[in-house]
Amino acid sequence: MTKLMTGIAIAILLLAKPGFAQPPAAPSGLQIAEACGNDIDRLCPGVPPGQGRIKACMKAHVSQLSAPCFDTLMAAAAAKKEAPQ
């Protein structure tokens, strides 16, 4: 009986494994704003939001981004790339 229960438990774990292999979630807009807010203020003063202007400004200054902002943006880009179309 113990071997049967062990076998069932292993089978359940093997079947459930793909559910645990989800790709990391993309950072939320709030997480990006928190990580990049100071960078936007410093690198893109006066750039009005909308129509991709802030994104373009950040791309133009990518070498000057803080590490937290850069890492958050890279995580967002990776999650977007891995997301099903």
PDB file of N, CA and C in Angstrom:
ATOM      1  N   MET A   1       0.819  -1.194   0.000  1.00  0.00           N
ATOM      2  CA  MET A   1       0.000   0.000   0.000  1.00  0.00           C
ATOM      3  C   MET A   1       0.863   1.259   0.000  1.00  0.00           C
ATOM      4  N   THR A   2       1.980   1.232   0.750  1.00  0.00           N
ATOM      5  CA  THR A   2       2.864   2.393   0.812  1.00  0.00           C
ATOM      6  C   THR A   2       3.489   2.667  -0.548  1.00  0.00           C
ATOM      7  N   LYS A   3       3.865   1.608  -1.259  1.00  0.00           N
ATOM      8  CA  LYS A   3       4.448   1.795  -2.590  1.00  0.00           C
ATOM      9  C   LYS A   3       3.428   2.392  -3.549  1.00  0.00           C
ATOM     10  N   LEU A   4       2.182   1.983  -3.420  1.00  0.00           N
ATOM     11  CA  LEU A   4       1.124   2.529  -4.266  1.00  0.00           C
ATOM     12  C   LEU A   4       0.942   4.019  -3.998  1.00  0.00           C
ATOM     13  N   MET A   5       0.913   4.412  -2.734  1.00  0.00           N
ATOM     14  CA  MET A   5       0.745   5.824  -2.372  1.00  0.00           C
ATOM     15  C   MET A   5       1.948   6.646  -2.848  1.00  0.00           C
ATOM     16  N   THR A   6       3.150   6.086  -2.715  1.00  0.00           N
ATOM     17  CA  THR A   6       4.351   6.777  -3.184  1.00  0.00           C
ATOM     18  C   THR A   6       4.290   6.959  -4.694  1.00  0.00           C
ATOM     19  N   GLY A   7       3.873   5.921  -5.402  1.00  0.00           N
ATOM     20  CA  GLY A   7       3.744   6.012  -6.859  1.00  0.00           C
ATOM     21  C   GLY A   7       2.728   7.053  -7.281  1.00  0.00           C
ATOM     22  N   ILE A   8       1.602   7.110  -6.581  1.00  0.00           N
ATOM     23  CA  ILE A   8       0.576   8.117  -6.893  1.00  0.00           C
ATOM     24  C   ILE A   8       1.110   9.519  -6.630  1.00  0.00           C
ATOM     25  N   ALA A   9       1.814   9.689  -5.513  1.00  0.00           N
ATOM     26  CA  ALA A   9       2.374  11.003  -5.187  1.00  0.00           C
ATOM     27  C   ALA A   9       3.385  11.443  -6.241  1.00  0.00           C
ATOM     28  N   ILE A  10       4.236  10.535  -6.687  1.00  0.00           N
ATOM     29  CA  ILE A  10       5.220  10.865  -7.725  1.00  0.00           C
ATOM     30  C   ILE A  10       4.520  11.214  -9.030  1.00  0.00           C
ATOM     31  N   ALA A  11       3.493  10.458  -9.381  1.00  0.00           N
ATOM     32  CA  ALA A  11       2.747  10.745 -10.613  1.00  0.00           C
ATOM     33  C   ALA A  11       2.105  12.125 -10.559  1.00  0.00           C
ATOM     34  N   ILE A  12       1.542  12.479  -9.421  1.00  0.00           N
ATOM     35  CA  ILE A  12       0.924  13.805  -9.275  1.00  0.00           C
ATOM     36  C   ILE A  12       1.973  14.897  -9.430  1.00  0.00           C
ATOM     37  N   LEU A  13       3.125  14.712  -8.796  1.00  0.00           N
ATOM     38  CA  LEU A  13       4.189  15.714  -8.908  1.00  0.00           C
ATOM     39  C   LEU A  13       4.686  15.855 -10.339  1.00  0.00           C
ATOM     40  N   LEU A  14       4.825  14.736 -11.034  1.00  0.00           N
ATOM     41  CA  LEU A  14       5.288  14.796 -12.423  1.00  0.00           C
ATOM     42  C   LEU A  14       4.266  15.479 -13.323  1.00  0.00           C
ATOM     43  N   LEU A  15       3.009  15.252 -13.076  1.00  0.00           N
ATOM     44  CA  LEU A  15       1.975  15.893 -13.882  1.00  0.00           C
ATOM     45  C   LEU A  15       1.847  17.372 -13.558  1.00  0.00           C
ATOM     46  N   ALA A  16       2.118  17.737 -12.328  1.00  0.00           N
ATOM     47  CA  ALA A  16       1.970  19.131 -11.911  1.00  0.00           C
ATOM     48  C   ALA A  16       3.181  19.974 -12.276  1.00  0.00           C
ATOM     49  N   LYS A  17       4.310  19.370 -12.552  1.00  0.00           N
ATOM     50  CA  LYS A  17       5.548  20.106 -12.805  1.00  0.00           C
ATOM     51  C   LYS A  17       5.420  21.178 -13.883  1.00  0.00           C
ATOM     52  N   PRO A  18       4.801  20.934 -15.035  1.00  0.00           N
ATOM     53  CA  PRO A  18       4.711  21.997 -16.034  1.00  0.00           C
ATOM     54  C   PRO A  18       4.005  23.251 -15.523  1.00  0.00           C
ATOM     55  N   GLY A  19       3.105  23.108 -14.611  1.00  0.00           N
ATOM     56  CA  GLY A  19       2.427  24.275 -14.054  1.00  0.00           C
ATOM     57  C   GLY A  19       3.348  25.159 -13.247  1.00  0.00           C
ATOM     58  N   PHE A  20       4.394  24.575 -12.679  1.00  0.00           N
ATOM     59  CA  PHE A  20       5.336  25.356 -11.895  1.00  0.00           C
ATOM     60  C   PHE A  20       6.399  26.014 -12.762  1.00  0.00           C
ATOM     61  N   ALA A  21       6.491  25.645 -14.008  1.00  0.00           N
ATOM     62  CA  ALA A  21       7.536  26.150 -14.895  1.00  0.00           C
ATOM     63  C   ALA A  21       7.069  27.371 -15.677  1.00  0.00           C
ATOM     64  N   GLN A  22       6.284  28.209 -15.055  1.00  0.00           N
ATOM     65  CA  GLN A  22       5.803  29.409 -15.719  1.00  0.00           C
ATOM     66  C   GLN A  22       6.943  30.416 -15.858  1.00  0.00           C
ATOM     67  N   PRO A  23       6.987  31.166 -16.963  1.00  0.00           N
ATOM     68  CA  PRO A  23       8.006  32.207 -17.085  1.00  0.00           C
ATOM     69  C   PRO A  23       7.742  33.304 -16.065  1.00  0.00           C
ATOM     70  N   PRO A  24       8.776  34.015 -15.674  1.00  0.00           N
ATOM     71  CA  PRO A  24       8.569  35.078 -14.695  1.00  0.00           C
ATOM     72  C   PRO A  24       7.617  36.131 -15.246  1.00  0.00           C
ATOM     73  N   ALA A  25       6.825  36.674 -14.363  1.00  0.00           N
ATOM     74  CA  ALA A  25       5.862  37.695 -14.772  1.00  0.00           C
ATOM     75  C   ALA A  25       6.597  38.980 -15.134  1.00  0.00           C
ATOM     76  N   ALA A  26       6.055  39.688 -16.079  1.00  0.00           N
ATOM     77  CA  ALA A  26       6.629  40.973 -16.466  1.00  0.00           C
ATOM     78  C   ALA A  26       6.442  41.971 -15.331  1.00  0.00           C
ATOM     79  N   PRO A  27       7.394  42.872 -15.154  1.00  0.00           N
ATOM     80  CA  PRO A  27       7.207  43.914 -14.149  1.00  0.00           C
ATOM     81  C   PRO A  27       5.969  44.746 -14.484  1.00  0.00           C
ATOM     82  N   SER A  28       5.247  45.140 -13.463  1.00  0.00           N
ATOM     83  CA  SER A  28       4.056  45.961 -13.675  1.00  0.00           C
ATOM     84  C   SER A  28       4.470  47.392 -14.001  1.00  0.00           C
ATOM     85  N   GLY A  29       3.520  48.157 -14.476  1.00  0.00           N
ATOM     86  CA  GLY A  29       3.784  49.568 -14.752  1.00  0.00           C
ATOM     87  C   GLY A  29       4.241  50.301 -13.504  1.00  0.00           C
ATOM     88  N   LEU A  30       3.656  49.935 -12.360  1.00  0.00           N
ATOM     89  CA  LEU A  30       4.046  50.556 -11.096  1.00  0.00           C
ATOM     90  C   LEU A  30       5.493  50.213 -10.745  1.00  0.00           C
ATOM     91  N   GLN A  31       5.889  48.961 -10.954  1.00  0.00           N
ATOM     92  CA  GLN A  31       7.272  48.568 -10.676  1.00  0.00           C
ATOM     93  C   GLN A  31       8.246  49.310 -11.589  1.00  0.00           C
ATOM     94  N   ILE A  32       7.874  49.476 -12.842  1.00  0.00           N
ATOM     95  CA  ILE A  32       8.732  50.217 -13.773  1.00  0.00           C
ATOM     96  C   ILE A  32       8.815  51.676 -13.354  1.00  0.00           C
ATOM     97  N   ALA A  33       7.679  52.264 -12.984  1.00  0.00           N
ATOM     98  CA  ALA A  33       7.673  53.665 -12.552  1.00  0.00           C
ATOM     99  C   ALA A  33       8.540  53.857 -11.311  1.00  0.00           C
ATOM    100  N   GLU A  34       8.455  52.917 -10.362  1.00  0.00           N
ATOM    101  CA  GLU A  34       9.273  53.023  -9.151  1.00  0.00           C
ATOM    102  C   GLU A  34      10.758  52.876  -9.467  1.00  0.00           C
ATOM    103  N   ALA A  35      11.101  51.965 -10.356  1.00  0.00           N
ATOM    104  CA  ALA A  35      12.509  51.723 -10.680  1.00  0.00           C
ATOM    105  C   ALA A  35      13.096  52.818 -11.562  1.00  0.00           C
ATOM    106  N   CYS A  36      12.265  53.427 -12.406  1.00  0.00           N
ATOM    107  CA  CYS A  36      12.774  54.357 -13.420  1.00  0.00           C
ATOM    108  C   CYS A  36      12.346  55.811 -13.225  1.00  0.00           C
ATOM    109  N   GLY A  37      11.536  56.091 -12.227  1.00  0.00           N
ATOM    110  CA  GLY A  37      11.037  57.454 -12.044  1.00  0.00           C
ATOM    111  C   GLY A  37      12.141  58.497 -11.953  1.00  0.00           C
ATOM    112  N   ASN A  38      13.158  58.222 -11.133  1.00  0.00           N
ATOM    113  CA  ASN A  38      14.261  59.181 -10.991  1.00  0.00           C
ATOM    114  C   ASN A  38      15.045  59.324 -12.288  1.00  0.00           C
ATOM    115  N   ASP A  39      15.198  58.227 -13.017  1.00  0.00           N
ATOM    116  CA  ASP A  39      15.912  58.277 -14.295  1.00  0.00           C
ATOM    117  C   ASP A  39      15.147  59.132 -15.302  1.00  0.00           C
ATOM    118  N   ILE A  40      13.841  58.980 -15.326  1.00  0.00           N
ATOM    119  CA  ILE A  40      13.026  59.779 -16.249  1.00  0.00           C
ATOM    120  C   ILE A  40      13.158  61.256 -15.904  1.00  0.00           C
ATOM    121  N   ASP A  41      13.073  61.579 -14.604  1.00  0.00           N
ATOM    122  CA  ASP A  41      13.212  62.978 -14.182  1.00  0.00           C
ATOM    123  C   ASP A  41      14.588  63.534 -14.536  1.00  0.00           C
ATOM    124  N   ARG A  42      15.613  62.708 -14.379  1.00  0.00           N
ATOM    125  CA  ARG A  42      16.993  63.159 -14.596  1.00  0.00           C
ATOM    126  C   ARG A  42      17.358  63.227 -16.077  1.00  0.00           C
ATOM    127  N   LEU A  43      16.949  62.211 -16.843  1.00  0.00           N
ATOM    128  CA  LEU A  43      17.390  62.103 -18.232  1.00  0.00           C
ATOM    129  C   LEU A  43      16.421  62.700 -19.244  1.00  0.00           C
ATOM    130  N   CYS A  44      15.162  62.807 -18.873  1.00  0.00           N
ATOM    131  CA  CYS A  44      14.140  63.241 -19.832  1.00  0.00           C
ATOM    132  C   CYS A  44      13.292  64.393 -19.294  1.00  0.00           C
ATOM    133  N   PRO A  45      13.915  65.409 -18.690  1.00  0.00           N
ATOM    134  CA  PRO A  45      13.097  66.502 -18.162  1.00  0.00           C
ATOM    135  C   PRO A  45      12.406  67.242 -19.309  1.00  0.00           C
ATOM    136  N   GLY A  46      11.163  67.555 -19.105  1.00  0.00           N
ATOM    137  CA  GLY A  46      10.428  68.301 -20.118  1.00  0.00           C
ATOM    138  C   GLY A  46       9.873  67.461 -21.250  1.00  0.00           C
ATOM    139  N   VAL A  47      10.162  66.168 -21.273  1.00  0.00           N
ATOM    140  CA  VAL A  47       9.617  65.306 -22.327  1.00  0.00           C
ATOM    141  C   VAL A  47       8.190  64.946 -21.925  1.00  0.00           C
ATOM    142  N   PRO A  48       7.209  65.362 -22.731  1.00  0.00           N
ATOM    143  CA  PRO A  48       5.823  65.056 -22.365  1.00  0.00           C
ATOM    144  C   PRO A  48       5.517  63.572 -22.582  1.00  0.00           C
ATOM    145  N   PRO A  49       4.794  62.961 -21.641  1.00  0.00           N
ATOM    146  CA  PRO A  49       4.448  61.551 -21.819  1.00  0.00           C
ATOM    147  C   PRO A  49       3.458  61.349 -22.953  1.00  0.00           C
ATOM    148  N   GLY A  50       3.467  60.164 -23.493  1.00  0.00           N
ATOM    149  CA  GLY A  50       2.529  59.818 -24.562  1.00  0.00           C
ATOM    150  C   GLY A  50       3.239  59.613 -25.882  1.00  0.00           C
ATOM    151  N   GLN A  51       2.632  58.812 -26.727  1.00  0.00           N
ATOM    152  CA  GLN A  51       3.113  58.530 -28.079  1.00  0.00           C
ATOM    153  C   GLN A  51       4.550  58.006 -28.102  1.00  0.00           C
ATOM    154  N   GLY A  52       4.956  57.326 -27.018  1.00  0.00           N
ATOM    155  CA  GLY A  52       6.272  56.695 -26.983  1.00  0.00           C
ATOM    156  C   GLY A  52       7.439  57.639 -26.764  1.00  0.00           C
ATOM    157  N   ARG A  53       7.165  58.895 -26.401  1.00  0.00           N
ATOM    158  CA  ARG A  53       8.261  59.863 -26.249  1.00  0.00           C
ATOM    159  C   ARG A  53       9.184  59.525 -25.075  1.00  0.00           C
ATOM    160  N   ILE A  54       8.605  59.108 -23.936  1.00  0.00           N
ATOM    161  CA  ILE A  54       9.440  58.748 -22.786  1.00  0.00           C
ATOM    162  C   ILE A  54      10.271  57.514 -23.122  1.00  0.00           C
ATOM    163  N   LYS A  55       9.654  56.540 -23.753  1.00  0.00           N
ATOM    164  CA  LYS A  55      10.370  55.320 -24.151  1.00  0.00           C
ATOM    165  C   LYS A  55      11.531  55.666 -25.078  1.00  0.00           C
ATOM    166  N   ALA A  56      11.298  56.541 -26.044  1.00  0.00           N
ATOM    167  CA  ALA A  56      12.357  56.946 -26.976  1.00  0.00           C
ATOM    168  C   ALA A  56      13.481  57.664 -26.239  1.00  0.00           C
ATOM    169  N   CYS A  57      13.117  58.507 -25.287  1.00  0.00           N
ATOM    170  CA  CYS A  57      14.125  59.224 -24.509  1.00  0.00           C
ATOM    171  C   CYS A  57      14.963  58.247 -23.686  1.00  0.00           C
ATOM    172  N   MET A  58      14.295  57.271 -23.066  1.00  0.00           N
ATOM    173  CA  MET A  58      15.023  56.289 -22.264  1.00  0.00           C
ATOM    174  C   MET A  58      15.957  55.451 -23.144  1.00  0.00           C
ATOM    175  N   LYS A  59      15.503  55.101 -24.341  1.00  0.00           N
ATOM    176  CA  LYS A  59      16.364  54.352 -25.267  1.00  0.00           C
ATOM    177  C   LYS A  59      17.582  55.182 -25.658  1.00  0.00           C
ATOM    178  N   ALA A  60      17.378  56.476 -25.853  1.00  0.00           N
ATOM    179  CA  ALA A  60      18.483  57.349 -26.245  1.00  0.00           C
ATOM    180  C   ALA A  60      19.517  57.488 -25.130  1.00  0.00           C
ATOM    181  N   HIS A  61      19.096  57.262 -23.890  1.00  0.00           N
ATOM    182  CA  HIS A  61      19.989  57.412 -22.742  1.00  0.00           C
ATOM    183  C   HIS A  61      20.239  56.083 -22.030  1.00  0.00           C
ATOM    184  N   VAL A  62      20.111  54.974 -22.736  1.00  0.00           N
ATOM    185  CA  VAL A  62      20.197  53.654 -22.098  1.00  0.00           C
ATOM    186  C   VAL A  62      21.510  53.458 -21.341  1.00  0.00           C
ATOM    187  N   SER A  63      22.589  54.019 -21.822  1.00  0.00           N
ATOM    188  CA  SER A  63      23.881  53.842 -21.145  1.00  0.00           C
ATOM    189  C   SER A  63      23.955  54.613 -19.831  1.00  0.00           C
ATOM    190  N   GLN A  64      23.006  55.525 -19.604  1.00  0.00           N
ATOM    191  CA  GLN A  64      23.007  56.335 -18.390  1.00  0.00           C
ATOM    192  C   GLN A  64      21.947  55.894 -17.379  1.00  0.00           C
ATOM    193  N   LEU A  65      21.208  54.837 -17.689  1.00  0.00           N
ATOM    194  CA  LEU A  65      20.161  54.376 -16.783  1.00  0.00           C
ATOM    195  C   LEU A  65      20.766  53.790 -15.517  1.00  0.00           C
ATOM    196  N   SER A  66      20.064  53.967 -14.402  1.00  0.00           N
ATOM    197  CA  SER A  66      20.491  53.333 -13.158  1.00  0.00           C
ATOM    198  C   SER A  66      20.330  51.820 -13.299  1.00  0.00           C
ATOM    199  N   ALA A  67      21.066  51.080 -12.492  1.00  0.00           N
ATOM    200  CA  ALA A  67      20.994  49.615 -12.550  1.00  0.00           C
ATOM    201  C   ALA A  67      19.582  49.091 -12.277  1.00  0.00           C
ATOM    202  N   PRO A  68      18.871  49.604 -11.254  1.00  0.00           N
ATOM    203  CA  PRO A  68      17.511  49.089 -11.025  1.00  0.00           C
ATOM    204  C   PRO A  68      16.571  49.349 -12.205  1.00  0.00           C
ATOM    205  N   CYS A  69      16.672  50.507 -12.811  1.00  0.00           N
ATOM    206  CA  CYS A  69      15.823  50.827 -13.957  1.00  0.00           C
ATOM    207  C   CYS A  69      16.177  49.932 -15.138  1.00  0.00           C
ATOM    208  N   PHE A  70      17.443  49.820 -15.437  1.00  0.00           N
ATOM    209  CA  PHE A  70      17.887  48.986 -16.557  1.00  0.00           C
ATOM    210  C   PHE A  70      17.431  47.541 -16.371  1.00  0.00           C
ATOM    211  N   ASP A  71      17.646  46.999 -15.170  1.00  0.00           N
ATOM    212  CA  ASP A  71      17.267  45.610 -14.898  1.00  0.00           C
ATOM    213  C   ASP A  71      15.759  45.403 -15.037  1.00  0.00           C
ATOM    214  N   THR A  72      14.974  46.365 -14.567  1.00  0.00           N
ATOM    215  CA  THR A  72      13.515  46.254 -14.658  1.00  0.00           C
ATOM    216  C   THR A  72      13.064  46.314 -16.107  1.00  0.00           C
ATOM    217  N   LEU A  73      13.647  47.205 -16.888  1.00  0.00           N
ATOM    218  CA  LEU A  73      13.281  47.306 -18.301  1.00  0.00           C
ATOM    219  C   LEU A  73      13.694  46.053 -19.072  1.00  0.00           C
ATOM    220  N   MET A  74      14.850  45.483 -18.738  1.00  0.00           N
ATOM    221  CA  MET A  74      15.285  44.254 -19.401  1.00  0.00           C
ATOM    222  C   MET A  74      14.366  43.086 -19.036  1.00  0.00           C
ATOM    223  N   ALA A  75      13.915  43.042 -17.786  1.00  0.00           N
ATOM    224  CA  ALA A  75      12.980  41.987 -17.372  1.00  0.00           C
ATOM    225  C   ALA A  75      11.655  42.128 -18.111  1.00  0.00           C
ATOM    226  N   ALA A  76      11.202  43.367 -18.293  1.00  0.00           N
ATOM    227  CA  ALA A  76       9.953  43.604 -19.027  1.00  0.00           C
ATOM    228  C   ALA A  76      10.106  43.185 -20.485  1.00  0.00           C
ATOM    229  N   ALA A  77      11.239  43.514 -21.082  1.00  0.00           N
ATOM    230  CA  ALA A  77      11.475  43.148 -22.481  1.00  0.00           C
ATOM    231  C   ALA A  77      11.557  41.630 -22.642  1.00  0.00           C
ATOM    232  N   ALA A  78      12.223  40.959 -21.711  1.00  0.00           N
ATOM    233  CA  ALA A  78      12.342  39.500 -21.783  1.00  0.00           C
ATOM    234  C   ALA A  78      10.978  38.832 -21.625  1.00  0.00           C
ATOM    235  N   ALA A  79      10.169  39.333 -20.707  1.00  0.00           N
ATOM    236  CA  ALA A  79       8.839  38.758 -20.497  1.00  0.00           C
ATOM    237  C   ALA A  79       7.958  38.979 -21.722  1.00  0.00           C
ATOM    238  N   LYS A  80       8.096  40.136 -22.336  1.00  0.00           N
ATOM    239  CA  LYS A  80       7.306  40.423 -23.541  1.00  0.00           C
ATOM    240  C   LYS A  80       7.724  39.495 -24.681  1.00  0.00           C
ATOM    241  N   LYS A  81       9.022  39.246 -24.786  1.00  0.00           N
ATOM    242  CA  LYS A  81       9.541  38.376 -25.849  1.00  0.00           C
ATOM    243  C   LYS A  81       9.061  36.937 -25.663  1.00  0.00           C
ATOM    244  N   GLU A  82       8.977  36.479 -24.407  1.00  0.00           N
ATOM    245  CA  GLU A  82       8.582  35.103 -24.120  1.00  0.00           C
ATOM    246  C   GLU A  82       7.073  34.910 -24.077  1.00  0.00           C
ATOM    247  N   ALA A  83       6.317  35.992 -24.039  1.00  0.00           N
ATOM    248  CA  ALA A  83       4.858  35.882 -23.945  1.00  0.00           C
ATOM    249  C   ALA A  83       4.293  35.306 -25.239  1.00  0.00           C
ATOM    250  N   PRO A  84       3.285  34.450 -25.117  1.00  0.00           N
ATOM    251  CA  PRO A  84       2.658  33.914 -26.335  1.00  0.00           C
ATOM    252  C   PRO A  84       2.007  35.026 -27.135  1.00  0.00           C
ATOM    253  N   GLN A  85       2.132  34.924 -28.433  1.00  0.00           N
ATOM    254  CA  GLN A  85       1.584  35.971 -29.300  1.00  0.00           C
ATOM    255  C   GLN A  85       0.145  35.742 -29.520  1.00  0.00           C
TER     256      GLN A  85
END
